[in-house]
Structures are given as C-alpha cells and as structure tokens.
C-alpha cells in the first residue's frame, strides 16, 4: 500500500464518527475539490533523487517542474475548500528556473538542489517581489529589502524559491487560543489527508505543501514544536536543527534561544540534503567561534548516520512520529 493511501485510509477511519451521514463535513468539503487529492499528479511523492535523475535524463527541466507544481497548487490548494497551504507564489520562479536550465545544458550543476522548487514559510525574508508577513495583514505592502542568509544559500545551491507557505499567524505567538494554521492573510490551512483535521503548526503550510506534493521540499521554523508537530500531523519528515546550525538572520523572531528554521520533506534523505546545503556560519552574526562549523558533513549520506539527535533537537514524520504542543 502506498504511504498516501495508508495515511488517508487510517485517518478517514478515525474521522467517520465525527462526520455527517455521508461521511462528509459540508462546512469543509465542497464540489470545487472533489477530485483534487485523488487525482494522481505527475510529481506526486517524488524524492529529490528522482527529480534530479529525471532532469539529468531530460524527462523534466527545472522550468517544467515549476509549471507542474504551480498546476498542483492551482488544483489542490487554491480553490474554495482547498488546502490553503500556499500563501503566495513567486512570479519570477519560471525565469529563475530557465537560468538554471541553461546552466545544466552547459554542463554546470551546482549540486543536489539544482533546479529543485522549494517553498518557504512566510516569516522568512526574500528580497524579491514576494511579501514576508508572518501571515499578518499588518505587514502586507512592506516587502523585505534583502534575502535571509539561508535564502541566499538556497539560491546559491541552485534551488528555485517557488512560493511562501501559510502559517499560524506570527508563528502562533499572537494568542493563547489561536488556531493552528490560521492567518489573516492566508486563511485556514487544512490537513491534506482529511480536510477537517488539524494540520498542527505553526509551520502548517510547509508540512501540508510537502504532504500534498505542492513542492519538492519546504522550509519551516520552530520555537517549540512548530516543525515536528506539522511533520507528524501531515505524515512527512521534519527536523529542528540545533540552534545556530542554520542562520536566523532575516527570520521574524520569537525567542533568541529557541528559534531556528529547519527542513521539511518526504524522506529523511531529502531532509538531510536540505539540512547540509544550508548549514553554515553567517558572517553577519557576531559571536564565539563554533567548533562544528569547520567539520560539518557535506553530503546527505554523511548527515544521516549521525541520526536526528546528532543533527538537531527533533525529527519526526511518517517514519519517526512525535506530537508536541506547538507554541511557535
């Protein structure tokens, strides 16, 4: 049985007693998304290795991947009753992908993220035509002047920033009674396996986007549970790195001692690939030397044997589930 089919059947079985006589909650489901999640997309469940192999063989280009993921967002996320994992799409994604395709044709491949579409949580700065609002209408119209350091590294690695994901507004730091995955800008993110189930938060959109194959990999942020809880609830893999392993500059903050961005993906290997690509010392951040910075692993195969505890403080998802109370 496919992982998605297993998760859907298990969750639906638990949800039936809470639904109406036909097993449908009319307040959540609508005709607009009747076949959205059951339709098999060309990129459903594709790993980074599969996408890179496909681009190497000529099955896809980076631009084609952007087009296909954009179509998935239009089908599964945007309609009334959809998932609402994506808060904004990057209008320049196709142009960026075309440039990366030219590099590949010229024989230059930057690494395992070359041409890979990635979604970012909407509290991470991008110095482009997209907004960075933490889901709040208060910050609409005030775009970030520059990329966060981790976004600079993401672009240098050849990834395509596909869009921004929804979140619990202000990373769930606006109320003690807020709803996971709700923001005034993006509305309510839904769990793609069963739409009236909690996607957890605050990185709700990043977890749901990966689960629904709206992107290859995504980046969330965590203060206390905001990556690992959505990973668990949406059946994907999420890692909270050790604070300091990824730069936090250019991320709307909550806690100076707990905040960090982290990778979310379909497999442990995908998460390890993204983790290694973005780990590094931000020269703009002052502080004592970090001994680990001089001998960090450089490949996914080097990160994985360390285990989740070696690479960070929390890893969970379809293969290692742990539900925590999410506060940021």
C-alpha atoms as a PDB file:
ATOM      1  CA  UNK A   1       0.000   0.000   0.000  1.00  0.00           C
ATOM      2  CA  UNK A   2       1.274   3.478  -0.884  1.00  0.00           C
ATOM      3  CA  UNK A   3       2.116   5.773   2.039  1.00  0.00           C
ATOM      4  CA  UNK A   4      -0.533   8.330   0.994  1.00  0.00           C
ATOM      5  CA  UNK A   5      -3.234   5.641   0.670  1.00  0.00           C
ATOM      6  CA  UNK A   6      -2.334   4.248   4.095  1.00  0.00           C
ATOM      7  CA  UNK A   7      -2.459   7.661   5.760  1.00  0.00           C
ATOM      8  CA  UNK A   8      -5.761   8.544   4.086  1.00  0.00           C
ATOM      9  CA  UNK A   9      -7.422   5.250   4.990  1.00  0.00           C
ATOM     10  CA  UNK A  10      -6.220   5.384   8.601  1.00  0.00           C
ATOM     11  CA  UNK A  11      -7.270   8.995   9.120  1.00  0.00           C
ATOM     12  CA  UNK A  12     -10.631   8.596   7.416  1.00  0.00           C
ATOM     13  CA  UNK A  13     -11.403   5.556   9.578  1.00  0.00           C
ATOM     14  CA  UNK A  14     -10.850   7.649  12.684  1.00  0.00           C
ATOM     15  CA  UNK A  15     -12.822  10.598  11.326  1.00  0.00           C
ATOM     16  CA  UNK A  16     -16.036   8.832  10.250  1.00  0.00           C
ATOM     17  CA  UNK A  17     -17.865   9.094  13.609  1.00  0.00           C
ATOM     18  CA  UNK A  18     -17.390  12.870  13.564  1.00  0.00           C
ATOM     19  CA  UNK A  19     -18.811  13.401  10.083  1.00  0.00           C
ATOM     20  CA  UNK A  20     -22.305  13.618   8.683  1.00  0.00           C
ATOM     21  CA  UNK A  21     -24.444  10.761   7.397  1.00  0.00           C
ATOM     22  CA  UNK A  22     -22.489  10.562   4.160  1.00  0.00           C
ATOM     23  CA  UNK A  23     -19.076  10.859   5.798  1.00  0.00           C
ATOM     24  CA  UNK A  24     -18.625  14.460   4.638  1.00  0.00           C
ATOM     25  CA  UNK A  25     -18.455  17.644   6.672  1.00  0.00           C
ATOM     26  CA  UNK A  26     -20.321  20.156   4.463  1.00  0.00           C
ATOM     27  CA  UNK A  27     -18.644  23.078   6.209  1.00  0.00           C
ATOM     28  CA  UNK A  28     -15.213  21.906   4.978  1.00  0.00           C
ATOM     29  CA  UNK A  29     -15.648  19.902   1.786  1.00  0.00           C
ATOM     30  CA  UNK A  30     -17.021  21.425  -1.382  1.00  0.00           C
ATOM     31  CA  UNK A  31     -17.539  20.325  -5.014  1.00  0.00           C
ATOM     32  CA  UNK A  32     -14.587  22.511  -6.036  1.00  0.00           C
ATOM     33  CA  UNK A  33     -12.092  19.969  -4.654  1.00  0.00           C
ATOM     34  CA  UNK A  34     -13.981  16.724  -5.246  1.00  0.00           C
ATOM     35  CA  UNK A  35     -11.121  15.024  -7.122  1.00  0.00           C
ATOM     36  CA  UNK A  36      -8.195  17.280  -6.185  1.00  0.00           C
ATOM     37  CA  UNK A  37      -6.385  14.925  -3.817  1.00  0.00           C
ATOM     38  CA  UNK A  38      -7.407  11.668  -5.503  1.00  0.00           C
ATOM     39  CA  UNK A  39      -6.077  12.822  -8.901  1.00  0.00           C
ATOM     40  CA  UNK A  40      -2.605  11.369  -9.405  1.00  0.00           C
ATOM     41  CA  UNK A  41      -0.161  14.136 -10.290  1.00  0.00           C
ATOM     42  CA  UNK A  42       2.999  13.577 -12.305  1.00  0.00           C
ATOM     43  CA  UNK A  43       5.171  14.772  -9.416  1.00  0.00           C
ATOM     44  CA  UNK A  44       3.303  13.116  -6.539  1.00  0.00           C
ATOM     45  CA  UNK A  45       5.658  11.619  -3.928  1.00  0.00           C
ATOM     46  CA  UNK A  46       8.780  12.359  -5.972  1.00  0.00           C
ATOM     47  CA  UNK A  47      12.011  12.457  -3.977  1.00  0.00           C
ATOM     48  CA  UNK A  48      14.909  14.828  -4.684  1.00  0.00           C
ATOM     49  CA  UNK A  49      16.926  11.968  -6.163  1.00  0.00           C
ATOM     50  CA  UNK A  50      14.064  11.108  -8.535  1.00  0.00           C
ATOM     51  CA  UNK A  51      13.687  14.718  -9.625  1.00  0.00           C
ATOM     52  CA  UNK A  52      17.420  15.113 -10.232  1.00  0.00           C
ATOM     53  CA  UNK A  53      17.570  11.843 -12.178  1.00  0.00           C
ATOM     54  CA  UNK A  54      14.609  12.994 -14.267  1.00  0.00           C
ATOM     55  CA  UNK A  55      16.298  16.297 -15.094  1.00  0.00           C
ATOM     56  CA  UNK A  56      19.561  14.508 -15.935  1.00  0.00           C
ATOM     57  CA  UNK A  57      17.715  12.154 -18.322  1.00  0.00           C
ATOM     58  CA  UNK A  58      15.744  15.012 -19.862  1.00  0.00           C
ATOM     59  CA  UNK A  59      12.346  13.897 -18.531  1.00  0.00           C
ATOM     60  CA  UNK A  60      11.856  17.336 -16.989  1.00  0.00           C
ATOM     61  CA  UNK A  61      13.516  20.707 -16.896  1.00  0.00           C
ATOM     62  CA  UNK A  62      13.551  22.937 -13.840  1.00  0.00           C
ATOM     63  CA  UNK A  63      11.068  25.193 -15.630  1.00  0.00           C
ATOM     64  CA  UNK A  64       8.772  22.238 -16.262  1.00  0.00           C
ATOM     65  CA  UNK A  65       8.923  21.276 -12.586  1.00  0.00           C
ATOM     66  CA  UNK A  66       7.843  24.802 -11.645  1.00  0.00           C
ATOM     67  CA  UNK A  67       4.949  24.595 -14.114  1.00  0.00           C
ATOM     68  CA  UNK A  68       3.812  21.216 -12.785  1.00  0.00           C
ATOM     69  CA  UNK A  69       3.977  22.271  -9.139  1.00  0.00           C
ATOM     70  CA  UNK A  70       2.161  25.502  -9.960  1.00  0.00           C
ATOM     71  CA  UNK A  71      -0.578  23.417 -11.572  1.00  0.00           C
ATOM     72  CA  UNK A  72      -0.772  21.251  -8.433  1.00  0.00           C
ATOM     73  CA  UNK A  73      -1.222  24.377  -6.310  1.00  0.00           C
ATOM     74  CA  UNK A  74      -3.991  25.617  -8.611  1.00  0.00           C
ATOM     75  CA  UNK A  75      -5.759  22.240  -8.426  1.00  0.00           C
ATOM     76  CA  UNK A  76      -5.345  21.278  -4.770  1.00  0.00           C
ATOM     77  CA  UNK A  77      -4.611  24.421  -2.833  1.00  0.00           C
ATOM     78  CA  UNK A  78      -6.263  27.499  -4.286  1.00  0.00           C
ATOM     79  CA  UNK A  79      -9.942  26.548  -4.857  1.00  0.00           C
ATOM     80  CA  UNK A  80     -12.652  27.110  -2.296  1.00  0.00           C
ATOM     81  CA  UNK A  81     -12.401  24.197   0.103  1.00  0.00           C
ATOM     82  CA  UNK A  82      -8.745  23.599  -0.834  1.00  0.00           C
ATOM     83  CA  UNK A  83      -5.764  23.019   1.433  1.00  0.00           C
ATOM     84  CA  UNK A  84      -4.666  26.671   1.678  1.00  0.00           C
ATOM     85  CA  UNK A  85      -1.054  25.713   2.359  1.00  0.00           C
ATOM     86  CA  UNK A  86       0.385  28.319  -0.016  1.00  0.00           C
ATOM     87  CA  UNK A  87       0.067  31.993   0.776  1.00  0.00           C
ATOM     88  CA  UNK A  88       1.844  33.355  -2.327  1.00  0.00           C
ATOM     89  CA  UNK A  89       3.548  32.073  -5.471  1.00  0.00           C
ATOM     90  CA  UNK A  90       6.802  33.528  -6.781  1.00  0.00           C
ATOM     91  CA  UNK A  91       6.097  35.370 -10.064  1.00  0.00           C
ATOM     92  CA  UNK A  92       9.778  35.010 -11.030  1.00  0.00           C
ATOM     93  CA  UNK A  93      10.071  31.251 -10.444  1.00  0.00           C
ATOM     94  CA  UNK A  94       9.923  30.278 -14.133  1.00  0.00           C
ATOM     95  CA  UNK A  95      12.576  32.832 -15.101  1.00  0.00           C
ATOM     96  CA  UNK A  96      14.892  31.601 -12.330  1.00  0.00           C
ATOM     97  CA  UNK A  97      14.315  28.003 -13.444  1.00  0.00           C
ATOM     98  CA  UNK A  98      15.153  28.858 -17.072  1.00  0.00           C
ATOM     99  CA  UNK A  99      18.506  30.303 -15.989  1.00  0.00           C
ATOM    100  CA  UNK A 100      19.267  27.134 -14.048  1.00  0.00           C
ATOM    101  CA  UNK A 101      18.286  25.013 -17.055  1.00  0.00           C
ATOM    102  CA  UNK A 102      20.802  26.935 -19.172  1.00  0.00           C
ATOM    103  CA  UNK A 103      23.485  26.144 -16.596  1.00  0.00           C
ATOM    104  CA  UNK A 104      22.604  22.447 -16.719  1.00  0.00           C
ATOM    105  CA  UNK A 105      22.731  22.376 -20.513  1.00  0.00           C
ATOM    106  CA  UNK A 106      26.169  23.985 -20.313  1.00  0.00           C
ATOM    107  CA  UNK A 107      27.325  21.151 -18.069  1.00  0.00           C
ATOM    108  CA  UNK A 108      27.242  23.055 -14.770  1.00  0.00           C
ATOM    109  CA  UNK A 109      25.155  21.516 -11.993  1.00  0.00           C
ATOM    110  CA  UNK A 110      25.549  23.233  -8.628  1.00  0.00           C
ATOM    111  CA  UNK A 111      24.543  20.254  -6.516  1.00  0.00           C
ATOM    112  CA  UNK A 112      21.576  18.128  -5.416  1.00  0.00           C
ATOM    113  CA  UNK A 113      19.258  21.165  -5.144  1.00  0.00           C
ATOM    114  CA  UNK A 114      19.939  22.450  -8.669  1.00  0.00           C
ATOM    115  CA  UNK A 115      16.566  23.262 -10.251  1.00  0.00           C
ATOM    116  CA  UNK A 116      14.544  21.970  -7.277  1.00  0.00           C
ATOM    117  CA  UNK A 117      11.420  24.019  -6.365  1.00  0.00           C
ATOM    118  CA  UNK A 118      11.280  24.867  -2.642  1.00  0.00           C
ATOM    119  CA  UNK A 119       8.565  26.552  -0.549  1.00  0.00           C
ATOM    120  CA  UNK A 120       9.413  28.900   2.343  1.00  0.00           C
ATOM    121  CA  UNK A 121       7.368  29.702   5.416  1.00  0.00           C
ATOM    122  CA  UNK A 122       6.054  33.271   5.227  1.00  0.00           C
ATOM    123  CA  UNK A 123       8.205  34.541   8.087  1.00  0.00           C
ATOM    124  CA  UNK A 124      11.451  34.125   6.119  1.00  0.00           C
ATOM    125  CA  UNK A 125      12.676  37.177   4.191  1.00  0.00           C
ATOM    126  CA  UNK A 126      13.039  37.101   0.424  1.00  0.00           C
ATOM    127  CA  UNK A 127      14.323  40.218  -1.299  1.00  0.00           C
ATOM    128  CA  UNK A 128      12.140  39.765  -4.369  1.00  0.00           C
ATOM    129  CA  UNK A 129       8.584  40.546  -5.449  1.00  0.00           C
ATOM    130  CA  UNK A 130       7.033  38.346  -2.752  1.00  0.00           C
ATOM    131  CA  UNK A 131       5.897  39.572   0.652  1.00  0.00           C
ATOM    132  CA  UNK A 132       7.169  38.439   4.058  1.00  0.00           C
ATOM    133  CA  UNK A 133       4.313  38.934   6.504  1.00  0.00           C
ATOM    134  CA  UNK A 134       4.195  36.090   9.067  1.00  0.00           C
ATOM    135  CA  UNK A 135       0.629  35.719   7.805  1.00  0.00           C
ATOM    136  CA  UNK A 136      -0.376  39.154   9.113  1.00  0.00           C
ATOM    137  CA  UNK A 137      -2.168  41.824   7.112  1.00  0.00           C
ATOM    138  CA  UNK A 138      -0.174  44.370   9.137  1.00  0.00           C
ATOM    139  CA  UNK A 139       2.984  43.624   7.122  1.00  0.00           C
ATOM    140  CA  UNK A 140       1.423  43.466   3.649  1.00  0.00           C
ATOM    141  CA  UNK A 141       2.989  46.106   1.429  1.00  0.00           C
ATOM    142  CA  UNK A 142       6.301  46.205   3.299  1.00  0.00           C
ATOM    143  CA  UNK A 143       8.493  43.653   1.469  1.00  0.00           C
ATOM    144  CA  UNK A 144      11.857  42.588   2.839  1.00  0.00           C
ATOM    145  CA  UNK A 145      14.807  44.573   1.464  1.00  0.00           C
ATOM    146  CA  UNK A 146      17.038  41.512   1.097  1.00  0.00           C
ATOM    147  CA  UNK A 147      17.127  37.723   1.308  1.00  0.00           C
ATOM    148  CA  UNK A 148      17.574  35.991   4.628  1.00  0.00           C
ATOM    149  CA  UNK A 149      21.026  34.391   4.810  1.00  0.00           C
ATOM    150  CA  UNK A 150      19.556  30.897   4.452  1.00  0.00           C
ATOM    151  CA  UNK A 151      17.708  32.038   1.312  1.00  0.00           C
ATOM    152  CA  UNK A 152      20.987  33.341  -0.108  1.00  0.00           C
ATOM    153  CA  UNK A 153      22.461  29.881   0.463  1.00  0.00           C
ATOM    154  CA  UNK A 154      19.375  28.244  -1.009  1.00  0.00           C
ATOM    155  CA  UNK A 155      19.664  30.281  -4.211  1.00  0.00           C
ATOM    156  CA  UNK A 156      23.427  29.681  -4.394  1.00  0.00           C
ATOM    157  CA  UNK A 157      22.746  25.939  -4.195  1.00  0.00           C
ATOM    158  CA  UNK A 158      20.547  26.234  -7.302  1.00  0.00           C
ATOM    159  CA  UNK A 159      17.118  25.849  -5.703  1.00  0.00           C
ATOM    160  CA  UNK A 160      14.082  27.687  -7.083  1.00  0.00           C
ATOM    161  CA  UNK A 161      12.047  29.584  -4.488  1.00  0.00           C
ATOM    162  CA  UNK A 162       8.572  28.561  -5.642  1.00  0.00           C
ATOM    163  CA  UNK A 163       6.491  30.457  -3.105  1.00  0.00           C
ATOM    164  CA  UNK A 164       5.629  31.178   0.526  1.00  0.00           C
ATOM    165  CA  UNK A 165       3.582  28.909   2.777  1.00  0.00           C
ATOM    166  CA  UNK A 166       0.836  29.774   5.221  1.00  0.00           C
ATOM    167  CA  UNK A 167       1.373  29.515   8.974  1.00  0.00           C
ATOM    168  CA  UNK A 168      -0.215  30.111  12.314  1.00  0.00           C
ATOM    169  CA  UNK A 169      -0.151  33.922  12.268  1.00  0.00           C
ATOM    170  CA  UNK A 170       3.003  35.386  13.847  1.00  0.00           C
ATOM    171  CA  UNK A 171       4.181  31.765  14.228  1.00  0.00           C
ATOM    172  CA  UNK A 172       1.434  31.155  16.802  1.00  0.00           C
ATOM    173  CA  UNK A 173       2.619  33.975  19.040  1.00  0.00           C
ATOM    174  CA  UNK A 174      -0.464  36.149  18.735  1.00  0.00           C
ATOM    175  CA  UNK A 175      -2.859  34.420  21.125  1.00  0.00           C
ATOM    176  CA  UNK A 176      -3.043  31.580  23.632  1.00  0.00           C
ATOM    177  CA  UNK A 177      -6.202  30.377  21.867  1.00  0.00           C
ATOM    178  CA  UNK A 178      -5.217  30.726  18.211  1.00  0.00           C
ATOM    179  CA  UNK A 179      -5.943  28.064  15.608  1.00  0.00           C
ATOM    180  CA  UNK A 180      -3.026  26.072  14.174  1.00  0.00           C
ATOM    181  CA  UNK A 181      -2.503  27.029  10.555  1.00  0.00           C
ATOM    182  CA  UNK A 182      -4.761  30.096  10.535  1.00  0.00           C
ATOM    183  CA  UNK A 183      -3.594  33.535   9.477  1.00  0.00           C
ATOM    184  CA  UNK A 184      -5.472  36.668   8.488  1.00  0.00           C
ATOM    185  CA  UNK A 185      -3.624  36.710   5.176  1.00  0.00           C
ATOM    186  CA  UNK A 186      -3.786  33.036   4.256  1.00  0.00           C
ATOM    187  CA  UNK A 187      -6.911  31.732   5.987  1.00  0.00           C
ATOM    188  CA  UNK A 188      -7.019  28.229   7.486  1.00  0.00           C
ATOM    189  CA  UNK A 189      -4.545  25.619   6.269  1.00  0.00           C
ATOM    190  CA  UNK A 190      -6.092  22.137   6.171  1.00  0.00           C
ATOM    191  CA  UNK A 191      -4.592  18.709   6.566  1.00  0.00           C
ATOM    192  CA  UNK A 192      -4.388  17.308   3.007  1.00  0.00           C
ATOM    193  CA  UNK A 193      -5.164  13.749   4.129  1.00  0.00           C
ATOM    194  CA  UNK A 194      -8.510  14.703   5.697  1.00  0.00           C
ATOM    195  CA  UNK A 195      -9.501  18.316   5.230  1.00  0.00           C
ATOM    196  CA  UNK A 196     -11.247  18.808   8.566  1.00  0.00           C
ATOM    197  CA  UNK A 197      -8.263  17.536  10.569  1.00  0.00           C
ATOM    198  CA  UNK A 198      -5.720  19.773  12.343  1.00  0.00           C
ATOM    199  CA  UNK A 199      -2.506  20.324  10.308  1.00  0.00           C
ATOM    200  CA  UNK A 200      -0.729  21.453  13.502  1.00  0.00           C
ATOM    201  CA  UNK A 201       1.542  24.473  13.497  1.00  0.00           C
ATOM    202  CA  UNK A 202       2.971  26.865  13.235  1.00  0.00           C
ATOM    203  CA  UNK A 203       4.700  25.581  10.062  1.00  0.00           C
ATOM    204  CA  UNK A 204       1.335  24.235   8.893  1.00  0.00           C
ATOM    205  CA  UNK A 205       1.632  25.318   5.279  1.00  0.00           C
ATOM    206  CA  UNK A 206       5.130  23.891   4.821  1.00  0.00           C
ATOM    207  CA  UNK A 207       4.076  20.496   6.184  1.00  0.00           C
ATOM    208  CA  UNK A 208       0.822  20.393   4.203  1.00  0.00           C
ATOM    209  CA  UNK A 209       2.521  21.558   0.993  1.00  0.00           C
ATOM    210  CA  UNK A 210       5.046  18.718   1.124  1.00  0.00           C
ATOM    211  CA  UNK A 211       2.351  16.164   2.002  1.00  0.00           C
ATOM    212  CA  UNK A 212       0.175  17.297  -0.921  1.00  0.00           C
ATOM    213  CA  UNK A 213       3.118  17.354  -3.365  1.00  0.00           C
ATOM    214  CA  UNK A 214       2.810  21.098  -3.943  1.00  0.00           C
ATOM    215  CA  UNK A 215       6.606  21.328  -3.782  1.00  0.00           C
ATOM    216  CA  UNK A 216       9.579  19.030  -3.552  1.00  0.00           C
ATOM    217  CA  UNK A 217      10.792  20.240  -0.159  1.00  0.00           C
ATOM    218  CA  UNK A 218       9.945  23.105   2.172  1.00  0.00           C
ATOM    219  CA  UNK A 219      11.400  25.164   4.989  1.00  0.00           C
ATOM    220  CA  UNK A 220       9.598  25.800   8.260  1.00  0.00           C
ATOM    221  CA  UNK A 221      10.619  27.457  11.513  1.00  0.00           C
ATOM    222  CA  UNK A 222      10.349  26.270  15.086  1.00  0.00           C
ATOM    223  CA  UNK A 223      10.499  27.702  18.576  1.00  0.00           C
ATOM    224  CA  UNK A 224       8.804  24.783  20.322  1.00  0.00           C
ATOM    225  CA  UNK A 225       7.240  22.099  18.133  1.00  0.00           C
ATOM    226  CA  UNK A 226       6.412  24.159  15.043  1.00  0.00           C
ATOM    227  CA  UNK A 227       8.281  21.888  12.623  1.00  0.00           C
ATOM    228  CA  UNK A 228       7.998  18.477  14.246  1.00  0.00           C
ATOM    229  CA  UNK A 229       4.266  18.743  15.054  1.00  0.00           C
ATOM    230  CA  UNK A 230       3.143  19.600  11.474  1.00  0.00           C
ATOM    231  CA  UNK A 231       5.511  16.924  10.164  1.00  0.00           C
ATOM    232  CA  UNK A 232       3.805  14.361  12.373  1.00  0.00           C
ATOM    233  CA  UNK A 233       0.261  15.541  11.629  1.00  0.00           C
ATOM    234  CA  UNK A 234       0.824  15.649   7.852  1.00  0.00           C
ATOM    235  CA  UNK A 235       2.852  12.430   7.580  1.00  0.00           C
ATOM    236  CA  UNK A 236       6.154  13.921   6.384  1.00  0.00           C
ATOM    237  CA  UNK A 237       9.660  14.314   7.830  1.00  0.00           C
ATOM    238  CA  UNK A 238      10.680  17.460   9.684  1.00  0.00           C
ATOM    239  CA  UNK A 239      13.843  18.391  11.549  1.00  0.00           C
ATOM    240  CA  UNK A 240      14.553  21.145  14.042  1.00  0.00           C
ATOM    241  CA  UNK A 241      18.306  21.719  13.703  1.00  0.00           C
ATOM    242  CA  UNK A 242      20.499  22.623  16.634  1.00  0.00           C
ATOM    243  CA  UNK A 243      20.079  26.372  17.173  1.00  0.00           C
ATOM    244  CA  UNK A 244      22.880  28.079  15.262  1.00  0.00           C
ATOM    245  CA  UNK A 245      23.377  25.378  12.632  1.00  0.00           C
ATOM    246  CA  UNK A 246      21.247  27.451  10.252  1.00  0.00           C
ATOM    247  CA  UNK A 247      21.417  31.235  10.313  1.00  0.00           C
ATOM    248  CA  UNK A 248      18.390  33.002  11.790  1.00  0.00           C
ATOM    249  CA  UNK A 249      19.029  36.414  10.260  1.00  0.00           C
ATOM    250  CA  UNK A 250      16.120  37.578   8.138  1.00  0.00           C
ATOM    251  CA  UNK A 251      13.523  35.490  10.008  1.00  0.00           C
ATOM    252  CA  UNK A 252      10.745  37.162  12.007  1.00  0.00           C
ATOM    253  CA  UNK A 253      11.711  36.194  15.578  1.00  0.00           C
ATOM    254  CA  UNK A 254      10.107  34.950  18.788  1.00  0.00           C
ATOM    255  CA  UNK A 255      12.895  33.578  21.013  1.00  0.00           C
ATOM    256  CA  UNK A 256      16.610  34.357  20.941  1.00  0.00           C
ATOM    257  CA  UNK A 257      17.445  30.977  22.465  1.00  0.00           C
ATOM    258  CA  UNK A 258      14.999  28.621  20.725  1.00  0.00           C
ATOM    259  CA  UNK A 259      14.198  29.900  17.220  1.00  0.00           C
ATOM    260  CA  UNK A 260      15.553  28.196  14.122  1.00  0.00           C
ATOM    261  CA  UNK A 261      14.463  27.383  10.606  1.00  0.00           C
ATOM    262  CA  UNK A 262      14.537  23.748   9.521  1.00  0.00           C
ATOM    263  CA  UNK A 263      13.903  21.402   6.593  1.00  0.00           C
ATOM    264  CA  UNK A 264      10.698  19.504   5.828  1.00  0.00           C
ATOM    265  CA  UNK A 265      10.488  16.808   3.171  1.00  0.00           C
ATOM    266  CA  UNK A 266       9.118  13.467   2.110  1.00  0.00           C
ATOM    267  CA  UNK A 267      12.096  11.360   3.187  1.00  0.00           C
ATOM    268  CA  UNK A 268      14.907  11.505   5.729  1.00  0.00           C
ATOM    269  CA  UNK A 269      17.394  11.706   2.849  1.00  0.00           C
ATOM    270  CA  UNK A 270      15.614  14.718   1.333  1.00  0.00           C
ATOM    271  CA  UNK A 271      15.640  16.487   4.696  1.00  0.00           C
ATOM    272  CA  UNK A 272      19.336  15.663   5.186  1.00  0.00           C
ATOM    273  CA  UNK A 273      20.117  17.053   1.723  1.00  0.00           C
ATOM    274  CA  UNK A 274      18.465  20.380   2.510  1.00  0.00           C
ATOM    275  CA  UNK A 275      19.957  20.456   6.016  1.00  0.00           C
ATOM    276  CA  UNK A 276      23.504  20.116   4.713  1.00  0.00           C
ATOM    277  CA  UNK A 277      23.069  22.635   1.901  1.00  0.00           C
ATOM    278  CA  UNK A 278      22.013  25.440   4.234  1.00  0.00           C
ATOM    279  CA  UNK A 279      24.182  24.723   7.286  1.00  0.00           C
ATOM    280  CA  UNK A 280      26.929  27.253   7.768  1.00  0.00           C
ATOM    281  CA  UNK A 281      28.187  30.324   9.560  1.00  0.00           C
ATOM    282  CA  UNK A 282      26.536  33.654   8.778  1.00  0.00           C
ATOM    283  CA  UNK A 283      29.365  36.230   8.692  1.00  0.00           C
ATOM    284  CA  UNK A 284      26.925  38.949   9.742  1.00  0.00           C
ATOM    285  CA  UNK A 285      26.240  37.243  13.079  1.00  0.00           C
ATOM    286  CA  UNK A 286      28.740  38.058  15.789  1.00  0.00           C
ATOM    287  CA  UNK A 287      29.581  35.518  18.448  1.00  0.00           C
ATOM    288  CA  UNK A 288      32.169  32.989  19.633  1.00  0.00           C
ATOM    289  CA  UNK A 289      33.627  30.522  17.102  1.00  0.00           C
ATOM    290  CA  UNK A 290      31.581  27.384  16.614  1.00  0.00           C
ATOM    291  CA  UNK A 291      33.824  24.274  16.531  1.00  0.00           C
ATOM    292  CA  UNK A 292      31.329  22.279  14.439  1.00  0.00           C
ATOM    293  CA  UNK A 293      31.487  24.864  11.635  1.00  0.00           C
ATOM    294  CA  UNK A 294      34.877  23.617  10.434  1.00  0.00           C
ATOM    295  CA  UNK A 295      33.932  19.955  10.005  1.00  0.00           C
ATOM    296  CA  UNK A 296      30.269  19.808   9.038  1.00  0.00           C
ATOM    297  CA  UNK A 297      29.168  16.917   6.807  1.00  0.00           C
ATOM    298  CA  UNK A 298      28.767  17.880   3.168  1.00  0.00           C
ATOM    299  CA  UNK A 299      26.538  15.096   1.795  1.00  0.00           C
ATOM    300  CA  UNK A 300      23.200  13.528   2.828  1.00  0.00           C
ATOM    301  CA  UNK A 301      24.943  10.204   3.425  1.00  0.00           C
ATOM    302  CA  UNK A 302      27.212  11.942   5.943  1.00  0.00           C
ATOM    303  CA  UNK A 303      24.335  13.562   7.836  1.00  0.00           C
ATOM    304  CA  UNK A 304      22.023  10.539   8.077  1.00  0.00           C
ATOM    305  CA  UNK A 305      24.310   8.212  10.149  1.00  0.00           C
ATOM    306  CA  UNK A 306      24.510  10.937  12.816  1.00  0.00           C
ATOM    307  CA  UNK A 307      20.818  10.358  13.493  1.00  0.00           C
ATOM    308  CA  UNK A 308      18.267  13.042  14.253  1.00  0.00           C
ATOM    309  CA  UNK A 309      19.705  13.634  17.712  1.00  0.00           C
ATOM    310  CA  UNK A 310      23.146  14.272  16.244  1.00  0.00           C
ATOM    311  CA  UNK A 311      21.965  16.745  13.634  1.00  0.00           C
ATOM    312  CA  UNK A 312      19.358  18.544  15.652  1.00  0.00           C
ATOM    313  CA  UNK A 313      16.950  18.513  18.525  1.00  0.00           C
ATOM    314  CA  UNK A 314      13.901  16.958  16.903  1.00  0.00           C
ATOM    315  CA  UNK A 315      12.996  14.900  13.868  1.00  0.00           C
ATOM    316  CA  UNK A 316       9.625  13.395  13.184  1.00  0.00           C
ATOM    317  CA  UNK A 317       7.182  12.420  10.497  1.00  0.00           C
ATOM    318  CA  UNK A 318       5.956   9.317   8.776  1.00  0.00           C
ATOM    319  CA  UNK A 319       8.992   7.371   9.931  1.00  0.00           C
ATOM    320  CA  UNK A 320       9.515   8.834  13.406  1.00  0.00           C
ATOM    321  CA  UNK A 321       6.385  10.357  14.863  1.00  0.00           C
ATOM    322  CA  UNK A 322       6.271  12.629  17.871  1.00  0.00           C
ATOM    323  CA  UNK A 323       3.426  15.004  18.601  1.00  0.00           C
ATOM    324  CA  UNK A 324       4.205  18.036  20.718  1.00  0.00           C
ATOM    325  CA  UNK A 325       2.245  21.028  21.898  1.00  0.00           C
ATOM    326  CA  UNK A 326       3.026  23.737  19.358  1.00  0.00           C
ATOM    327  CA  UNK A 327       3.679  27.202  20.694  1.00  0.00           C
ATOM    328  CA  UNK A 328       5.806  28.747  17.983  1.00  0.00           C
END
